[in-house]
């Protein structure tokens, strides 16, 4: 899965992307992932560091790339 729901102690729920986990499992660098998907390196870094989540189009590209839903 590209996204998972995380439950917080406070009772809230956050959506967390799994880009870094999937990339490392595929043994790819951020640069390789960027070049192979056409998604900017800074965007991938932002996804991995939790600064932003992929928009619908990039989420689909990443899901297809990693073979997940």
PDB file of N, CA and C in Angstrom:
ATOM      1  N   UNK A   1       0.823  -1.183   0.000  1.00  0.00           N
ATOM      2  CA  UNK A   1       0.000   0.000   0.000  1.00  0.00           C
ATOM      3  C   UNK A   1       0.867   1.246   0.000  1.00  0.00           C
ATOM      4  N   UNK A   2       0.444   2.222  -0.719  1.00  0.00           N
ATOM      5  CA  UNK A   2       1.186   3.474  -0.771  1.00  0.00           C
ATOM      6  C   UNK A   2       0.917   4.327   0.464  1.00  0.00           C
ATOM      7  N   UNK A   3      -0.285   4.214   1.025  1.00  0.00           N
ATOM      8  CA  UNK A   3      -0.649   4.976   2.216  1.00  0.00           C
ATOM      9  C   UNK A   3      -1.156   4.030   3.300  1.00  0.00           C
ATOM     10  N   UNK A   4      -0.887   4.364   4.555  1.00  0.00           N
ATOM     11  CA  UNK A   4      -1.456   3.639   5.687  1.00  0.00           C
ATOM     12  C   UNK A   4      -2.025   4.654   6.670  1.00  0.00           C
ATOM     13  N   UNK A   5      -3.047   4.229   7.400  1.00  0.00           N
ATOM     14  CA  UNK A   5      -3.618   5.073   8.449  1.00  0.00           C
ATOM     15  C   UNK A   5      -2.860   4.808   9.735  1.00  0.00           C
ATOM     16  N   UNK A   6      -2.453   5.852  10.398  1.00  0.00           N
ATOM     17  CA  UNK A   6      -1.766   5.748  11.686  1.00  0.00           C
ATOM     18  C   UNK A   6      -2.667   6.351  12.750  1.00  0.00           C
ATOM     19  N   UNK A   7      -2.864   5.607  13.819  1.00  0.00           N
ATOM     20  CA  UNK A   7      -3.684   6.097  14.924  1.00  0.00           C
ATOM     21  C   UNK A   7      -2.777   6.734  15.966  1.00  0.00           C
ATOM     22  N   UNK A   8      -3.135   7.921  16.382  1.00  0.00           N
ATOM     23  CA  UNK A   8      -2.350   8.647  17.369  1.00  0.00           C
ATOM     24  C   UNK A   8      -2.932   8.420  18.761  1.00  0.00           C
ATOM     25  N   UNK A   9      -2.071   8.552  19.772  1.00  0.00           N
ATOM     26  CA  UNK A   9      -2.517   8.395  21.155  1.00  0.00           C
ATOM     27  C   UNK A   9      -3.631   9.371  21.496  1.00  0.00           C
ATOM     28  N   UNK A  10      -3.617  10.519  20.865  1.00  0.00           N
ATOM     29  CA  UNK A  10      -4.629  11.541  21.125  1.00  0.00           C
ATOM     30  C   UNK A  10      -5.993  11.166  20.542  1.00  0.00           C
ATOM     31  N   UNK A  11      -6.032  10.083  19.776  1.00  0.00           N
ATOM     32  CA  UNK A  11      -7.278   9.645  19.173  1.00  0.00           C
ATOM     33  C   UNK A  11      -7.428  10.058  17.727  1.00  0.00           C
ATOM     34  N   UNK A  12      -6.501  10.870  17.232  1.00  0.00           N
ATOM     35  CA  UNK A  12      -6.557  11.310  15.846  1.00  0.00           C
ATOM     36  C   UNK A  12      -6.005  10.255  14.897  1.00  0.00           C
ATOM     37  N   UNK A  13      -6.279  10.449  13.639  1.00  0.00           N
ATOM     38  CA  UNK A  13      -5.799   9.544  12.595  1.00  0.00           C
ATOM     39  C   UNK A  13      -5.042  10.379  11.574  1.00  0.00           C
ATOM     40  N   UNK A  14      -3.877   9.891  11.165  1.00  0.00           N
ATOM     41  CA  UNK A  14      -3.131  10.571  10.112  1.00  0.00           C
ATOM     42  C   UNK A  14      -2.879   9.597   8.961  1.00  0.00           C
ATOM     43  N   UNK A  15      -2.762  10.136   7.780  1.00  0.00           N
ATOM     44  CA  UNK A  15      -2.450   9.351   6.601  1.00  0.00           C
ATOM     45  C   UNK A  15      -0.953   9.452   6.376  1.00  0.00           C
ATOM     46  N   UNK A  16      -0.288   8.316   6.354  1.00  0.00           N
ATOM     47  CA  UNK A  16       1.167   8.315   6.182  1.00  0.00           C
ATOM     48  C   UNK A  16       1.517   7.572   4.901  1.00  0.00           C
ATOM     49  N   UNK A  17       2.362   8.183   4.079  1.00  0.00           N
ATOM     50  CA  UNK A  17       2.762   7.496   2.859  1.00  0.00           C
ATOM     51  C   UNK A  17       3.946   6.577   3.146  1.00  0.00           C
ATOM     52  N   UNK A  18       4.112   5.586   2.307  1.00  0.00           N
ATOM     53  CA  UNK A  18       5.139   4.563   2.483  1.00  0.00           C
ATOM     54  C   UNK A  18       6.219   4.627   1.400  1.00  0.00           C
ATOM     55  N   UNK A  19       6.415   5.798   0.834  1.00  0.00           N
ATOM     56  CA  UNK A  19       7.346   5.939  -0.280  1.00  0.00           C
ATOM     57  C   UNK A  19       8.752   5.485   0.115  1.00  0.00           C
ATOM     58  N   UNK A  20       9.252   5.933   1.244  1.00  0.00           N
ATOM     59  CA  UNK A  20      10.612   5.587   1.655  1.00  0.00           C
ATOM     60  C   UNK A  20      10.758   4.088   1.880  1.00  0.00           C
ATOM     61  N   UNK A  21       9.793   3.482   2.542  1.00  0.00           N
ATOM     62  CA  UNK A  21       9.828   2.041   2.805  1.00  0.00           C
ATOM     63  C   UNK A  21       9.832   1.258   1.499  1.00  0.00           C
ATOM     64  N   UNK A  22       8.963   1.639   0.579  1.00  0.00           N
ATOM     65  CA  UNK A  22       8.887   0.946  -0.710  1.00  0.00           C
ATOM     66  C   UNK A  22      10.155   1.163  -1.533  1.00  0.00           C
ATOM     67  N   UNK A  23      10.684   2.381  -1.504  1.00  0.00           N
ATOM     68  CA  UNK A  23      11.908   2.670  -2.267  1.00  0.00           C
ATOM     69  C   UNK A  23      13.076   1.853  -1.750  1.00  0.00           C
ATOM     70  N   UNK A  24      13.216   1.802  -0.432  1.00  0.00           N
ATOM     71  CA  UNK A  24      14.331   1.043   0.138  1.00  0.00           C
ATOM     72  C   UNK A  24      14.189  -0.450  -0.149  1.00  0.00           C
ATOM     73  N   UNK A  25      12.959  -0.953  -0.104  1.00  0.00           N
ATOM     74  CA  UNK A  25      12.722  -2.366  -0.411  1.00  0.00           C
ATOM     75  C   UNK A  25      13.091  -2.678  -1.859  1.00  0.00           C
ATOM     76  N   UNK A  26      12.906  -1.691  -2.738  1.00  0.00           N
ATOM     77  CA  UNK A  26      13.253  -1.852  -4.155  1.00  0.00           C
ATOM     78  C   UNK A  26      14.735  -1.577  -4.414  1.00  0.00           C
ATOM     79  N   UNK A  27      15.462  -1.191  -3.359  1.00  0.00           N
ATOM     80  CA  UNK A  27      16.898  -0.888  -3.453  1.00  0.00           C
ATOM     81  C   UNK A  27      17.185   0.200  -4.489  1.00  0.00           C
ATOM     82  N   UNK A  28      16.388   1.253  -4.404  1.00  0.00           N
ATOM     83  CA  UNK A  28      16.552   2.399  -5.294  1.00  0.00           C
ATOM     84  C   UNK A  28      16.947   3.616  -4.480  1.00  0.00           C
ATOM     85  N   UNK A  29      17.716   4.507  -5.090  1.00  0.00           N
ATOM     86  CA  UNK A  29      18.008   5.789  -4.460  1.00  0.00           C
ATOM     87  C   UNK A  29      16.866   6.741  -4.797  1.00  0.00           C
ATOM     88  N   UNK A  30      16.789   7.850  -4.074  1.00  0.00           N
ATOM     89  CA  UNK A  30      15.774   8.852  -4.403  1.00  0.00           C
ATOM     90  C   UNK A  30      15.992   9.367  -5.820  1.00  0.00           C
ATOM     91  N   UNK A  31      17.245   9.536  -6.210  1.00  0.00           N
ATOM     92  CA  UNK A  31      17.554  10.030  -7.555  1.00  0.00           C
ATOM     93  C   UNK A  31      17.068   9.039  -8.608  1.00  0.00           C
ATOM     94  N   UNK A  32      17.306   7.754  -8.394  1.00  0.00           N
ATOM     95  CA  UNK A  32      16.843   6.750  -9.353  1.00  0.00           C
ATOM     96  C   UNK A  32      15.321   6.749  -9.449  1.00  0.00           C
ATOM     97  N   UNK A  33      14.659   6.815  -8.296  1.00  0.00           N
ATOM     98  CA  UNK A  33      13.199   6.837  -8.294  1.00  0.00           C
ATOM     99  C   UNK A  33      12.687   8.063  -9.041  1.00  0.00           C
ATOM    100  N   UNK A  34      13.313   9.192  -8.811  1.00  0.00           N
ATOM    101  CA  UNK A  34      12.931  10.423  -9.492  1.00  0.00           C
ATOM    102  C   UNK A  34      13.083  10.278 -11.005  1.00  0.00           C
ATOM    103  N   UNK A  35      14.228   9.787 -11.437  1.00  0.00           N
ATOM    104  CA  UNK A  35      14.495   9.643 -12.870  1.00  0.00           C
ATOM    105  C   UNK A  35      13.565   8.626 -13.526  1.00  0.00           C
ATOM    106  N   UNK A  36      13.272   7.530 -12.821  1.00  0.00           N
ATOM    107  CA  UNK A  36      12.467   6.456 -13.405  1.00  0.00           C
ATOM    108  C   UNK A  36      10.970   6.758 -13.399  1.00  0.00           C
ATOM    109  N   UNK A  37      10.526   7.678 -12.543  1.00  0.00           N
ATOM    110  CA  UNK A  37       9.101   8.002 -12.478  1.00  0.00           C
ATOM    111  C   UNK A  37       8.780   9.361 -13.083  1.00  0.00           C
ATOM    112  N   UNK A  38       9.794  10.203 -13.240  1.00  0.00           N
ATOM    113  CA  UNK A  38       9.563  11.555 -13.732  1.00  0.00           C
ATOM    114  C   UNK A  38       9.065  12.505 -12.654  1.00  0.00           C
ATOM    115  N   UNK A  39       9.090  12.066 -11.404  1.00  0.00           N
ATOM    116  CA  UNK A  39       8.684  12.905 -10.277  1.00  0.00           C
ATOM    117  C   UNK A  39       9.931  13.600  -9.748  1.00  0.00           C
ATOM    118  N   UNK A  40       9.848  14.884  -9.493  1.00  0.00           N
ATOM    119  CA  UNK A  40      11.005  15.652  -9.056  1.00  0.00           C
ATOM    120  C   UNK A  40      11.636  15.110  -7.775  1.00  0.00           C
ATOM    121  N   UNK A  41      12.942  15.212  -7.709  1.00  0.00           N
ATOM    122  CA  UNK A  41      13.690  14.738  -6.553  1.00  0.00           C
ATOM    123  C   UNK A  41      13.240  15.439  -5.271  1.00  0.00           C
ATOM    124  N   UNK A  42      12.984  16.731  -5.357  1.00  0.00           N
ATOM    125  CA  UNK A  42      12.543  17.454  -4.160  1.00  0.00           C
ATOM    126  C   UNK A  42      11.163  16.976  -3.704  1.00  0.00           C
ATOM    127  N   UNK A  43      10.300  16.619  -4.653  1.00  0.00           N
ATOM    128  CA  UNK A  43       8.980  16.080  -4.291  1.00  0.00           C
ATOM    129  C   UNK A  43       9.128  14.753  -3.568  1.00  0.00           C
ATOM    130  N   UNK A  44       9.975  13.878  -4.076  1.00  0.00           N
ATOM    131  CA  UNK A  44      10.192  12.574  -3.440  1.00  0.00           C
ATOM    132  C   UNK A  44      10.743  12.772  -2.029  1.00  0.00           C
ATOM    133  N   UNK A  45      11.690  13.677  -1.890  1.00  0.00           N
ATOM    134  CA  UNK A  45      12.245  13.974  -0.571  1.00  0.00           C
ATOM    135  C   UNK A  45      11.157  14.475   0.382  1.00  0.00           C
ATOM    136  N   UNK A  46      10.306  15.358  -0.108  1.00  0.00           N
ATOM    137  CA  UNK A  46       9.211  15.874   0.717  1.00  0.00           C
ATOM    138  C   UNK A  46       8.251  14.763   1.134  1.00  0.00           C
ATOM    139  N   UNK A  47       7.946  13.840   0.225  1.00  0.00           N
ATOM    140  CA  UNK A  47       7.061  12.720   0.566  1.00  0.00           C
ATOM    141  C   UNK A  47       7.707  11.868   1.661  1.00  0.00           C
ATOM    142  N   UNK A  48       8.961  11.547   1.456  1.00  0.00           N
ATOM    143  CA  UNK A  48       9.656  10.655   2.396  1.00  0.00           C
ATOM    144  C   UNK A  48       9.829  11.272   3.778  1.00  0.00           C
ATOM    145  N   UNK A  49       9.992  12.575   3.825  1.00  0.00           N
ATOM    146  CA  UNK A  49      10.208  13.243   5.110  1.00  0.00           C
ATOM    147  C   UNK A  49       8.919  13.736   5.763  1.00  0.00           C
ATOM    148  N   UNK A  50       7.793  13.423   5.141  1.00  0.00           N
ATOM    149  CA  UNK A  50       6.508  13.761   5.729  1.00  0.00           C
ATOM    150  C   UNK A  50       6.097  15.214   5.596  1.00  0.00           C
ATOM    151  N   UNK A  51       6.783  15.967   4.726  1.00  0.00           N
ATOM    152  CA  UNK A  51       6.429  17.366   4.530  1.00  0.00           C
ATOM    153  C   UNK A  51       5.197  17.506   3.640  1.00  0.00           C
ATOM    154  N   UNK A  52       4.976  16.518   2.786  1.00  0.00           N
ATOM    155  CA  UNK A  52       3.793  16.523   1.926  1.00  0.00           C
ATOM    156  C   UNK A  52       3.493  15.090   1.497  1.00  0.00           C
ATOM    157  N   UNK A  53       2.296  14.885   0.982  1.00  0.00           N
ATOM    158  CA  UNK A  53       1.907  13.604   0.406  1.00  0.00           C
ATOM    159  C   UNK A  53       1.713  13.804  -1.082  1.00  0.00           C
ATOM    160  N   UNK A  54       1.929  12.739  -1.861  1.00  0.00           N
ATOM    161  CA  UNK A  54       1.753  12.872  -3.307  1.00  0.00           C
ATOM    162  C   UNK A  54       0.321  13.236  -3.673  1.00  0.00           C
ATOM    163  N   UNK A  55       0.183  14.110  -4.643  1.00  0.00           N
ATOM    164  CA  UNK A  55      -1.142  14.406  -5.200  1.00  0.00           C
ATOM    165  C   UNK A  55      -1.589  13.175  -5.995  1.00  0.00           C
ATOM    166  N   UNK A  56      -2.839  13.168  -6.392  1.00  0.00           N
ATOM    167  CA  UNK A  56      -3.442  11.995  -7.027  1.00  0.00           C
ATOM    168  C   UNK A  56      -2.607  11.437  -8.186  1.00  0.00           C
ATOM    169  N   UNK A  57      -2.157  12.299  -9.087  1.00  0.00           N
ATOM    170  CA  UNK A  57      -1.404  11.844 -10.253  1.00  0.00           C
ATOM    171  C   UNK A  57      -0.089  11.175  -9.850  1.00  0.00           C
ATOM    172  N   UNK A  58       0.676  11.827  -8.963  1.00  0.00           N
ATOM    173  CA  UNK A  58       1.951  11.244  -8.539  1.00  0.00           C
ATOM    174  C   UNK A  58       1.739  10.003  -7.684  1.00  0.00           C
ATOM    175  N   UNK A  59       0.659   9.963  -6.908  1.00  0.00           N
ATOM    176  CA  UNK A  59       0.362   8.771  -6.112  1.00  0.00           C
ATOM    177  C   UNK A  59       0.120   7.585  -7.041  1.00  0.00           C
ATOM    178  N   UNK A  60      -0.584   7.812  -8.136  1.00  0.00           N
ATOM    179  CA  UNK A  60      -0.831   6.729  -9.094  1.00  0.00           C
ATOM    180  C   UNK A  60       0.468   6.273  -9.748  1.00  0.00           C
ATOM    181  N   UNK A  61       1.303   7.227 -10.131  1.00  0.00           N
ATOM    182  CA  UNK A  61       2.596   6.878 -10.742  1.00  0.00           C
ATOM    183  C   UNK A  61       3.413   6.021  -9.780  1.00  0.00           C
ATOM    184  N   UNK A  62       3.484   6.434  -8.521  1.00  0.00           N
ATOM    185  CA  UNK A  62       4.265   5.690  -7.534  1.00  0.00           C
ATOM    186  C   UNK A  62       3.650   4.323  -7.248  1.00  0.00           C
ATOM    187  N   UNK A  63       2.333   4.264  -7.115  1.00  0.00           N
ATOM    188  CA  UNK A  63       1.667   2.978  -6.865  1.00  0.00           C
ATOM    189  C   UNK A  63       1.921   2.014  -8.007  1.00  0.00           C
ATOM    190  N   UNK A  64       1.810   2.492  -9.244  1.00  0.00           N
ATOM    191  CA  UNK A  64       2.075   1.638 -10.400  1.00  0.00           C
ATOM    192  C   UNK A  64       3.535   1.204 -10.430  1.00  0.00           C
ATOM    193  N   UNK A  65       4.432   2.125 -10.138  1.00  0.00           N
ATOM    194  CA  UNK A  65       5.859   1.821 -10.146  1.00  0.00           C
ATOM    195  C   UNK A  65       6.198   0.701  -9.157  1.00  0.00           C
ATOM    196  N   UNK A  66       5.631   0.795  -7.944  1.00  0.00           N
ATOM    197  CA  UNK A  66       5.930  -0.186  -6.914  1.00  0.00           C
ATOM    198  C   UNK A  66       4.999  -1.392  -6.953  1.00  0.00           C
ATOM    199  N   UNK A  67       3.986  -1.352  -7.791  1.00  0.00           N
ATOM    200  CA  UNK A  67       3.054  -2.480  -7.897  1.00  0.00           C
ATOM    201  C   UNK A  67       2.153  -2.623  -6.678  1.00  0.00           C
ATOM    202  N   UNK A  68       1.742  -1.489  -6.120  1.00  0.00           N
ATOM    203  CA  UNK A  68       0.868  -1.497  -4.947  1.00  0.00           C
ATOM    204  C   UNK A  68      -0.386  -0.691  -5.262  1.00  0.00           C
ATOM    205  N   UNK A  69      -1.313  -0.719  -4.325  1.00  0.00           N
ATOM    206  CA  UNK A  69      -2.552   0.062  -4.520  1.00  0.00           C
ATOM    207  C   UNK A  69      -2.618   1.230  -3.560  1.00  0.00           C
TER     208      UNK A  69
END
